[in-house]
Amino acid sequence: MSETELMERLDKMTSAVHLMAKALGTRLDRAQLAERMGIHRNTLRHRLATDKSIPRPGTDGKWLLSEIVDWEQRRR
């Protein structure tokens, strides 16, 4: 499998995850978001204060997974 084919498959899988997350309204708490990003919760707090491109949590203090996936895709 070529690198191009692999990237196309990865994009399709990412789109499927995004669609499912949007349909389900899956939400992440601070610890889950930090784990997804591979950083400590304190580092996440610092990044939220300095990086305005990161989606903001809802009124319940949780992030929509679909917004996080969109943000991750834009950062590529």
PDB file of N, CA and C in Angstrom:
ATOM      1  N   MET A   1       0.845  -1.171   0.000  1.00  0.00           N
ATOM      2  CA  MET A   1       0.000   0.000   0.000  1.00  0.00           C
ATOM      3  C   MET A   1       0.894   1.239   0.000  1.00  0.00           C
ATOM      4  N   SER A   2       0.590   2.152  -0.904  1.00  0.00           N
ATOM      5  CA  SER A   2       1.404   3.364  -1.010  1.00  0.00           C
ATOM      6  C   SER A   2       1.050   4.349   0.103  1.00  0.00           C
ATOM      7  N   GLU A   3       1.911   5.316   0.288  1.00  0.00           N
ATOM      8  CA  GLU A   3       1.678   6.326   1.315  1.00  0.00           C
ATOM      9  C   GLU A   3       0.417   7.130   1.001  1.00  0.00           C
ATOM     10  N   THR A   4       0.182   7.416  -0.276  1.00  0.00           N
ATOM     11  CA  THR A   4      -1.016   8.159  -0.679  1.00  0.00           C
ATOM     12  C   THR A   4      -2.274   7.376  -0.341  1.00  0.00           C
ATOM     13  N   GLU A   5      -2.265   6.081  -0.638  1.00  0.00           N
ATOM     14  CA  GLU A   5      -3.427   5.240  -0.325  1.00  0.00           C
ATOM     15  C   GLU A   5      -3.661   5.175   1.180  1.00  0.00           C
ATOM     16  N   LEU A   6      -2.576   5.072   1.919  1.00  0.00           N
ATOM     17  CA  LEU A   6      -2.675   5.016   3.369  1.00  0.00           C
ATOM     18  C   LEU A   6      -3.262   6.312   3.920  1.00  0.00           C
ATOM     19  N   MET A   7      -2.824   7.444   3.406  1.00  0.00           N
ATOM     20  CA  MET A   7      -3.342   8.736   3.856  1.00  0.00           C
ATOM     21  C   MET A   7      -4.829   8.881   3.500  1.00  0.00           C
ATOM     22  N   GLU A   8      -5.221   8.399   2.325  1.00  0.00           N
ATOM     23  CA  GLU A   8      -6.628   8.454   1.931  1.00  0.00           C
ATOM     24  C   GLU A   8      -7.487   7.621   2.874  1.00  0.00           C
ATOM     25  N   ARG A   9      -7.005   6.444   3.226  1.00  0.00           N
ATOM     26  CA  ARG A   9      -7.747   5.585   4.152  1.00  0.00           C
ATOM     27  C   ARG A   9      -7.848   6.230   5.532  1.00  0.00           C
ATOM     28  N   LEU A  10      -6.766   6.839   5.959  1.00  0.00           N
ATOM     29  CA  LEU A  10      -6.764   7.518   7.256  1.00  0.00           C
ATOM     30  C   LEU A  10      -7.755   8.680   7.259  1.00  0.00           C
ATOM     31  N   ASP A  11      -7.798   9.434   6.172  1.00  0.00           N
ATOM     32  CA  ASP A  11      -8.749  10.542   6.057  1.00  0.00           C
ATOM     33  C   ASP A  11     -10.188  10.036   6.102  1.00  0.00           C
ATOM     34  N   LYS A  12     -10.462   8.932   5.437  1.00  0.00           N
ATOM     35  CA  LYS A  12     -11.810   8.356   5.451  1.00  0.00           C
ATOM     36  C   LYS A  12     -12.189   7.895   6.855  1.00  0.00           C
ATOM     37  N   MET A  13     -11.243   7.275   7.547  1.00  0.00           N
ATOM     38  CA  MET A  13     -11.520   6.824   8.912  1.00  0.00           C
ATOM     39  C   MET A  13     -11.764   8.013   9.834  1.00  0.00           C
ATOM     40  N   THR A  14     -10.977   9.059   9.670  1.00  0.00           N
ATOM     41  CA  THR A  14     -11.142  10.257  10.486  1.00  0.00           C
ATOM     42  C   THR A  14     -12.506  10.883  10.220  1.00  0.00           C
ATOM     43  N   SER A  15     -12.917  10.920   8.972  1.00  0.00           N
ATOM     44  CA  SER A  15     -14.230  11.472   8.627  1.00  0.00           C
ATOM     45  C   SER A  15     -15.349  10.654   9.264  1.00  0.00           C
ATOM     46  N   ALA A  16     -15.184   9.338   9.268  1.00  0.00           N
ATOM     47  CA  ALA A  16     -16.192   8.469   9.879  1.00  0.00           C
ATOM     48  C   ALA A  16     -16.286   8.705  11.382  1.00  0.00           C
ATOM     49  N   VAL A  17     -15.140   8.836  12.046  1.00  0.00           N
ATOM     50  CA  VAL A  17     -15.133   9.105  13.488  1.00  0.00           C
ATOM     51  C   VAL A  17     -15.785  10.454  13.758  1.00  0.00           C
ATOM     52  N   HIS A  18     -15.473  11.439  12.950  1.00  0.00           N
ATOM     53  CA  HIS A  18     -16.046  12.774  13.113  1.00  0.00           C
ATOM     54  C   HIS A  18     -17.568  12.723  12.968  1.00  0.00           C
ATOM     55  N   LEU A  19     -18.048  12.038  11.957  1.00  0.00           N
ATOM     56  CA  LEU A  19     -19.485  11.923  11.718  1.00  0.00           C
ATOM     57  C   LEU A  19     -20.178  11.238  12.895  1.00  0.00           C
ATOM     58  N   MET A  20     -19.587  10.157  13.392  1.00  0.00           N
ATOM     59  CA  MET A  20     -20.163   9.447  14.535  1.00  0.00           C
ATOM     60  C   MET A  20     -20.177  10.334  15.784  1.00  0.00           C
ATOM     61  N   ALA A  21     -19.077  11.018  16.026  1.00  0.00           N
ATOM     62  CA  ALA A  21     -18.988  11.877  17.209  1.00  0.00           C
ATOM     63  C   ALA A  21     -20.014  12.997  17.137  1.00  0.00           C
ATOM     64  N   LYS A  22     -20.199  13.548  15.949  1.00  0.00           N
ATOM     65  CA  LYS A  22     -21.166  14.629  15.773  1.00  0.00           C
ATOM     66  C   LYS A  22     -22.588  14.113  15.987  1.00  0.00           C
ATOM     67  N   ALA A  23     -22.870  12.942  15.446  1.00  0.00           N
ATOM     68  CA  ALA A  23     -24.214  12.369  15.579  1.00  0.00           C
ATOM     69  C   ALA A  23     -24.527  12.015  17.029  1.00  0.00           C
ATOM     70  N   LEU A  24     -23.535  11.522  17.738  1.00  0.00           N
ATOM     71  CA  LEU A  24     -23.747  11.107  19.124  1.00  0.00           C
ATOM     72  C   LEU A  24     -23.617  12.253  20.119  1.00  0.00           C
ATOM     73  N   GLY A  25     -22.966  13.329  19.695  1.00  0.00           N
ATOM     74  CA  GLY A  25     -22.752  14.455  20.604  1.00  0.00           C
ATOM     75  C   GLY A  25     -21.778  14.101  21.719  1.00  0.00           C
ATOM     76  N   THR A  26     -20.817  13.233  21.409  1.00  0.00           N
ATOM     77  CA  THR A  26     -19.847  12.792  22.406  1.00  0.00           C
ATOM     78  C   THR A  26     -19.086  13.989  22.962  1.00  0.00           C
ATOM     79  N   ARG A  27     -18.921  14.001  24.282  1.00  0.00           N
ATOM     80  CA  ARG A  27     -18.256  15.111  24.942  1.00  0.00           C
ATOM     81  C   ARG A  27     -17.077  14.585  25.751  1.00  0.00           C
ATOM     82  N   LEU A  28     -16.027  15.392  25.828  1.00  0.00           N
ATOM     83  CA  LEU A  28     -14.820  15.034  26.573  1.00  0.00           C
ATOM     84  C   LEU A  28     -14.639  15.962  27.756  1.00  0.00           C
ATOM     85  N   ASP A  29     -14.268  15.397  28.897  1.00  0.00           N
ATOM     86  CA  ASP A  29     -13.931  16.258  30.023  1.00  0.00           C
ATOM     87  C   ASP A  29     -12.457  16.645  29.911  1.00  0.00           C
ATOM     88  N   ARG A  30     -11.990  17.457  30.827  1.00  0.00           N
ATOM     89  CA  ARG A  30     -10.620  17.987  30.764  1.00  0.00           C
ATOM     90  C   ARG A  30      -9.582  16.861  30.751  1.00  0.00           C
ATOM     91  N   ALA A  31      -9.752  15.859  31.598  1.00  0.00           N
ATOM     92  CA  ALA A  31      -8.793  14.754  31.668  1.00  0.00           C
ATOM     93  C   ALA A  31      -8.776  13.961  30.359  1.00  0.00           C
ATOM     94  N   GLN A  32      -9.944  13.738  29.778  1.00  0.00           N
ATOM     95  CA  GLN A  32     -10.017  12.996  28.515  1.00  0.00           C
ATOM     96  C   GLN A  32      -9.375  13.775  27.379  1.00  0.00           C
ATOM     97  N   LEU A  33      -9.601  15.080  27.335  1.00  0.00           N
ATOM     98  CA  LEU A  33      -8.998  15.902  26.293  1.00  0.00           C
ATOM     99  C   LEU A  33      -7.477  15.921  26.444  1.00  0.00           C
ATOM    100  N   ALA A  34      -7.005  16.078  27.667  1.00  0.00           N
ATOM    101  CA  ALA A  34      -5.553  16.075  27.898  1.00  0.00           C
ATOM    102  C   ALA A  34      -4.955  14.737  27.459  1.00  0.00           C
ATOM    103  N   GLU A  35      -5.630  13.646  27.789  1.00  0.00           N
ATOM    104  CA  GLU A  35      -5.132  12.325  27.385  1.00  0.00           C
ATOM    105  C   GLU A  35      -5.119  12.196  25.869  1.00  0.00           C
ATOM    106  N   ARG A  36      -6.171  12.666  25.215  1.00  0.00           N
ATOM    107  CA  ARG A  36      -6.231  12.601  23.744  1.00  0.00           C
ATOM    108  C   ARG A  36      -5.078  13.386  23.118  1.00  0.00           C
ATOM    109  N   MET A  37      -4.742  14.516  23.733  1.00  0.00           N
ATOM    110  CA  MET A  37      -3.669  15.358  23.214  1.00  0.00           C
ATOM    111  C   MET A  37      -2.285  14.866  23.648  1.00  0.00           C
ATOM    112  N   GLY A  38      -2.254  13.933  24.598  1.00  0.00           N
ATOM    113  CA  GLY A  38      -0.977  13.395  25.062  1.00  0.00           C
ATOM    114  C   GLY A  38      -0.225  14.346  25.976  1.00  0.00           C
ATOM    115  N   ILE A  39      -0.981  15.140  26.731  1.00  0.00           N
ATOM    116  CA  ILE A  39      -0.370  16.118  27.626  1.00  0.00           C
ATOM    117  C   ILE A  39      -1.012  16.013  29.013  1.00  0.00           C
ATOM    118  N   HIS A  40      -0.388  16.627  29.999  1.00  0.00           N
ATOM    119  CA  HIS A  40      -0.919  16.662  31.361  1.00  0.00           C
ATOM    120  C   HIS A  40      -2.040  17.700  31.436  1.00  0.00           C
ATOM    121  N   ARG A  41      -2.953  17.519  32.380  1.00  0.00           N
ATOM    122  CA  ARG A  41      -4.063  18.471  32.543  1.00  0.00           C
ATOM    123  C   ARG A  41      -3.570  19.896  32.779  1.00  0.00           C
ATOM    124  N   ASN A  42      -2.483  20.051  33.517  1.00  0.00           N
ATOM    125  CA  ASN A  42      -1.943  21.396  33.759  1.00  0.00           C
ATOM    126  C   ASN A  42      -1.414  22.022  32.479  1.00  0.00           C
ATOM    127  N   THR A  43      -0.810  21.199  31.627  1.00  0.00           N
ATOM    128  CA  THR A  43      -0.328  21.687  30.329  1.00  0.00           C
ATOM    129  C   THR A  43      -1.510  22.111  29.468  1.00  0.00           C
ATOM    130  N   LEU A  44      -2.598  21.346  29.536  1.00  0.00           N
ATOM    131  CA  LEU A  44      -3.801  21.705  28.791  1.00  0.00           C
ATOM    132  C   LEU A  44      -4.312  23.068  29.248  1.00  0.00           C
ATOM    133  N   ARG A  45      -4.344  23.299  30.540  1.00  0.00           N
ATOM    134  CA  ARG A  45      -4.805  24.589  31.064  1.00  0.00           C
ATOM    135  C   ARG A  45      -3.949  25.728  30.496  1.00  0.00           C
ATOM    136  N   HIS A  46      -2.632  25.523  30.457  1.00  0.00           N
ATOM    137  CA  HIS A  46      -1.731  26.543  29.906  1.00  0.00           C
ATOM    138  C   HIS A  46      -2.003  26.757  28.415  1.00  0.00           C
ATOM    139  N   ARG A  47      -2.169  25.674  27.677  1.00  0.00           N
ATOM    140  CA  ARG A  47      -2.419  25.812  26.227  1.00  0.00           C
ATOM    141  C   ARG A  47      -3.744  26.503  25.950  1.00  0.00           C
ATOM    142  N   LEU A  48      -4.751  26.202  26.764  1.00  0.00           N
ATOM    143  CA  LEU A  48      -6.047  26.870  26.579  1.00  0.00           C
ATOM    144  C   LEU A  48      -5.920  28.377  26.792  1.00  0.00           C
ATOM    145  N   ALA A  49      -5.039  28.760  27.698  1.00  0.00           N
ATOM    146  CA  ALA A  49      -4.840  30.186  27.981  1.00  0.00           C
ATOM    147  C   ALA A  49      -4.054  30.886  26.876  1.00  0.00           C
ATOM    148  N   THR A  50      -3.193  30.144  26.189  1.00  0.00           N
ATOM    149  CA  THR A  50      -2.317  30.772  25.199  1.00  0.00           C
ATOM    150  C   THR A  50      -2.703  30.509  23.745  1.00  0.00           C
ATOM    151  N   ASP A  51      -3.341  29.387  23.460  1.00  0.00           N
ATOM    152  CA  ASP A  51      -3.685  29.022  22.082  1.00  0.00           C
ATOM    153  C   ASP A  51      -5.186  29.198  21.876  1.00  0.00           C
ATOM    154  N   LYS A  52      -5.561  30.298  21.264  1.00  0.00           N
ATOM    155  CA  LYS A  52      -6.984  30.613  21.069  1.00  0.00           C
ATOM    156  C   LYS A  52      -7.624  29.784  19.962  1.00  0.00           C
ATOM    157  N   SER A  53      -6.839  28.977  19.235  1.00  0.00           N
ATOM    158  CA  SER A  53      -7.421  28.146  18.178  1.00  0.00           C
ATOM    159  C   SER A  53      -8.067  26.879  18.727  1.00  0.00           C
ATOM    160  N   ILE A  54      -7.717  26.507  19.956  1.00  0.00           N
ATOM    161  CA  ILE A  54      -8.303  25.306  20.564  1.00  0.00           C
ATOM    162  C   ILE A  54      -9.768  25.601  20.874  1.00  0.00           C
ATOM    163  N   PRO A  55     -10.677  24.687  20.474  1.00  0.00           N
ATOM    164  CA  PRO A  55     -12.089  24.910  20.790  1.00  0.00           C
ATOM    165  C   PRO A  55     -12.306  25.090  22.295  1.00  0.00           C
ATOM    166  N   ARG A  56     -13.286  25.863  22.634  1.00  0.00           N
ATOM    167  CA  ARG A  56     -13.614  26.121  24.037  1.00  0.00           C
ATOM    168  C   ARG A  56     -14.662  25.117  24.506  1.00  0.00           C
ATOM    169  N   PRO A  57     -14.642  24.809  25.790  1.00  0.00           N
ATOM    170  CA  PRO A  57     -15.646  23.883  26.318  1.00  0.00           C
ATOM    171  C   PRO A  57     -17.027  24.530  26.352  1.00  0.00           C
ATOM    172  N   GLY A  58     -18.036  23.676  26.428  1.00  0.00           N
ATOM    173  CA  GLY A  58     -19.408  24.171  26.559  1.00  0.00           C
ATOM    174  C   GLY A  58     -19.665  24.633  27.977  1.00  0.00           C
ATOM    175  N   THR A  59     -20.889  24.994  28.253  1.00  0.00           N
ATOM    176  CA  THR A  59     -21.253  25.480  29.582  1.00  0.00           C
ATOM    177  C   THR A  59     -21.104  24.404  30.653  1.00  0.00           C
ATOM    178  N   ASP A  60     -21.087  23.144  30.217  1.00  0.00           N
ATOM    179  CA  ASP A  60     -20.905  22.036  31.159  1.00  0.00           C
ATOM    180  C   ASP A  60     -19.430  21.745  31.430  1.00  0.00           C
ATOM    181  N   GLY A  61     -18.527  22.523  30.805  1.00  0.00           N
ATOM    182  CA  GLY A  61     -17.090  22.335  31.011  1.00  0.00           C
ATOM    183  C   GLY A  61     -16.498  21.216  30.180  1.00  0.00           C
ATOM    184  N   LYS A  62     -17.266  20.703  29.208  1.00  0.00           N
ATOM    185  CA  LYS A  62     -16.786  19.606  28.362  1.00  0.00           C
ATOM    186  C   LYS A  62     -16.720  20.057  26.904  1.00  0.00           C
ATOM    187  N   TRP A  63     -15.852  19.382  26.159  1.00  0.00           N
ATOM    188  CA  TRP A  63     -15.641  19.694  24.753  1.00  0.00           C
ATOM    189  C   TRP A  63     -16.391  18.695  23.884  1.00  0.00           C
ATOM    190  N   LEU A  64     -16.955  19.189  22.781  1.00  0.00           N
ATOM    191  CA  LEU A  64     -17.547  18.282  21.799  1.00  0.00           C
ATOM    192  C   LEU A  64     -16.422  17.593  21.039  1.00  0.00           C
ATOM    193  N   LEU A  65     -16.478  16.275  20.998  1.00  0.00           N
ATOM    194  CA  LEU A  65     -15.447  15.523  20.293  1.00  0.00           C
ATOM    195  C   LEU A  65     -15.385  15.929  18.831  1.00  0.00           C
ATOM    196  N   SER A  66     -16.530  16.188  18.218  1.00  0.00           N
ATOM    197  CA  SER A  66     -16.541  16.580  16.807  1.00  0.00           C
ATOM    198  C   SER A  66     -15.767  17.882  16.587  1.00  0.00           C
ATOM    199  N   GLU A  67     -15.847  18.831  17.521  1.00  0.00           N
ATOM    200  CA  GLU A  67     -15.096  20.086  17.394  1.00  0.00           C
ATOM    201  C   GLU A  67     -13.597  19.837  17.558  1.00  0.00           C
ATOM    202  N   ILE A  68     -13.244  18.918  18.446  1.00  0.00           N
ATOM    203  CA  ILE A  68     -11.834  18.600  18.654  1.00  0.00           C
ATOM    204  C   ILE A  68     -11.262  17.922  17.407  1.00  0.00           C
ATOM    205  N   VAL A  69     -12.014  17.006  16.808  1.00  0.00           N
ATOM    206  CA  VAL A  69     -11.557  16.337  15.586  1.00  0.00           C
ATOM    207  C   VAL A  69     -11.378  17.355  14.472  1.00  0.00           C
ATOM    208  N   ASP A  70     -12.334  18.292  14.327  1.00  0.00           N
ATOM    209  CA  ASP A  70     -12.197  19.364  13.326  1.00  0.00           C
ATOM    210  C   ASP A  70     -10.927  20.169  13.555  1.00  0.00           C
ATOM    211  N   TRP A  71     -10.703  20.541  14.791  1.00  0.00           N
ATOM    212  CA  TRP A  71      -9.521  21.327  15.149  1.00  0.00           C
ATOM    213  C   TRP A  71      -8.239  20.552  14.827  1.00  0.00           C
ATOM    214  N   GLU A  72      -8.224  19.272  15.164  1.00  0.00           N
ATOM    215  CA  GLU A  72      -7.044  18.441  14.874  1.00  0.00           C
ATOM    216  C   GLU A  72      -6.790  18.373  13.372  1.00  0.00           C
ATOM    217  N   GLN A  73      -7.842  18.274  12.591  1.00  0.00           N
ATOM    218  CA  GLN A  73      -7.695  18.203  11.140  1.00  0.00           C
ATOM    219  C   GLN A  73      -7.154  19.512  10.573  1.00  0.00           C
ATOM    220  N   ARG A  74      -7.585  20.627  11.108  1.00  0.00           N
ATOM    221  CA  ARG A  74      -7.082  21.924  10.623  1.00  0.00           C
ATOM    222  C   ARG A  74      -5.609  22.124  10.952  1.00  0.00           C
ATOM    223  N   ARG A  75      -5.150  21.487  12.000  1.00  0.00           N
ATOM    224  CA  ARG A  75      -3.739  21.639  12.424  1.00  0.00           C
ATOM    225  C   ARG A  75      -2.777  20.831  11.585  1.00  0.00           C
ATOM    226  N   ARG A  76      -3.256  19.922  10.803  1.00  0.00           N
ATOM    227  CA  ARG A  76      -2.382  19.069   9.981  1.00  0.00           C
ATOM    228  C   ARG A  76      -1.558  19.852   9.032  1.00  0.00           C
TER     229      ARG A  76
END
